[in-house]
Amino acid sequence: QLRIAVEELYVNVTHYAYPDGDGWAEIRGSVEDGMVTFKLIDARRPFDPLAKEDPDIMLSGEERCIGGLGIFMVKTMVDELTYTRKDGCNVLTLRKQL
């Protein structure tokens, strides 16, 4: 679950923040007292992927708006997912108790 969650978030950053391929993203990981923490950091324009309302998964694909399923999936896989803007960077932090 952690591998899929981090991959989904990283792909979102590279795809949406840097569609032309120019830019950087950093992944930092740590484990403390059985809690795994990953931070995904990029320096693109401010963007909070958690600000968007969760998609209504009860609707059919035709009825549902495009986007948001990846972040929704990540939310279901981790214990905590937060966004901050710090020092001109987007910081998306996920935590999961092992």
Protein backbone atom coordinates (compact mmCIF):
# COMPACT_ATOMS: atom_id res chain seq x y z
CA GLN A 1 0.00 0.00 0.00
CA LEU A 2 2.79 2.43 0.83
CA ARG A 3 4.58 1.73 -2.45
CA ILE A 4 1.39 2.33 -4.43
CA ALA A 5 0.53 5.47 -2.45
CA VAL A 6 3.97 7.04 -2.90
CA GLU A 7 4.06 6.09 -6.57
CA GLU A 8 0.62 7.62 -7.20
CA LEU A 9 1.59 10.87 -5.50
CA TYR A 10 4.94 11.06 -7.31
CA VAL A 11 3.35 10.41 -10.70
CA ASN A 12 0.79 13.16 -9.98
CA VAL A 13 3.57 15.63 -9.14
CA THR A 14 5.63 14.82 -12.22
CA HIS A 15 2.59 14.76 -14.51
CA TYR A 16 0.78 17.88 -13.30
CA ALA A 17 3.51 20.07 -11.80
CA TYR A 18 6.04 19.50 -14.58
CA PRO A 19 4.19 18.50 -17.77
CA ASP A 20 7.12 19.70 -19.90
CA GLY A 21 9.54 17.55 -17.88
CA ASP A 22 11.55 20.43 -16.43
CA GLY A 23 11.61 20.54 -12.65
CA TRP A 24 12.37 18.49 -9.61
CA ALA A 25 10.59 16.46 -6.96
CA GLU A 26 12.06 15.00 -3.82
CA ILE A 27 10.84 12.06 -1.74
CA ARG A 28 11.95 11.83 1.88
CA GLY A 29 11.15 8.85 4.05
CA SER A 30 11.55 7.97 7.70
CA VAL A 31 10.38 5.45 10.28
CA GLU A 32 9.97 6.32 13.94
CA ASP A 33 8.19 4.23 16.56
CA GLY A 34 6.56 2.12 13.86
CA MET A 35 5.20 5.15 12.00
CA VAL A 36 6.34 5.47 8.37
CA THR A 37 6.44 9.01 7.00
CA PHE A 38 6.98 10.02 3.38
CA LYS A 39 7.21 13.62 2.21
CA LEU A 40 6.91 14.54 -1.46
CA ILE A 41 8.31 17.99 -2.14
CA ASP A 42 8.24 20.08 -5.32
CA ALA A 43 8.83 23.74 -6.10
CA ARG A 44 6.07 24.32 -8.61
CA ARG A 45 3.17 26.73 -8.11
CA PRO A 46 1.12 26.24 -4.92
CA PHE A 47 -1.25 23.32 -5.32
CA ASP A 48 -3.15 21.47 -2.58
CA PRO A 49 -4.43 18.17 -4.01
CA LEU A 50 -6.44 17.62 -0.82
CA ALA A 51 -8.53 20.77 -1.30
CA LYS A 52 -10.70 19.08 -3.92
CA GLU A 53 -13.75 17.21 -2.65
CA ASP A 54 -13.52 13.41 -2.78
CA PRO A 55 -15.16 11.90 -5.88
CA ASP A 56 -18.51 10.19 -5.52
CA ILE A 57 -17.42 6.61 -6.19
CA MET A 58 -21.05 5.49 -6.31
CA LEU A 59 -21.50 7.30 -9.64
CA SER A 60 -20.70 5.57 -12.90
CA GLY A 61 -17.57 6.56 -14.82
CA GLU A 62 -19.70 8.51 -17.28
CA GLU A 63 -21.38 10.50 -14.49
CA ARG A 64 -18.25 11.24 -12.48
CA CYS A 65 -15.90 14.14 -13.21
CA ILE A 66 -12.40 13.27 -14.37
CA GLY A 67 -9.69 13.32 -11.72
CA GLY A 68 -9.39 12.83 -8.00
CA LEU A 69 -9.51 9.03 -7.86
CA GLY A 70 -5.77 8.65 -7.25
CA ILE A 71 -5.73 11.01 -4.26
CA PHE A 72 -8.91 9.35 -2.95
CA MET A 73 -7.23 5.94 -3.26
CA VAL A 74 -4.15 7.19 -1.39
CA LYS A 75 -6.35 8.56 1.41
CA THR A 76 -7.81 5.08 1.92
CA MET A 77 -4.34 3.49 2.12
CA VAL A 78 -2.69 5.73 4.71
CA ASP A 79 -3.47 6.91 8.22
CA GLU A 80 -2.78 10.57 7.50
CA LEU A 81 -2.30 12.70 4.39
CA THR A 82 -1.54 16.41 4.72
CA TYR A 83 -0.48 19.30 2.50
CA THR A 84 1.56 22.37 3.42
CA ARG A 85 3.37 25.07 1.51
CA LYS A 86 6.79 25.71 3.03
CA ASP A 87 9.75 27.76 1.79
CA GLY A 88 8.21 28.12 -1.67
CA CYS A 89 7.58 24.36 -1.99
CA ASN A 90 4.56 22.07 -1.96
CA VAL A 91 4.96 19.43 0.75
CA LEU A 92 2.61 16.45 0.70
CA THR A 93 3.09 14.21 3.74
CA LEU A 94 1.69 10.73 4.21
CA ARG A 95 1.91 8.65 7.37
CA LYS A 96 1.05 5.04 8.09
CA GLN A 97 1.47 3.00 11.25
CA LEU A 98 3.18 -0.33 10.61
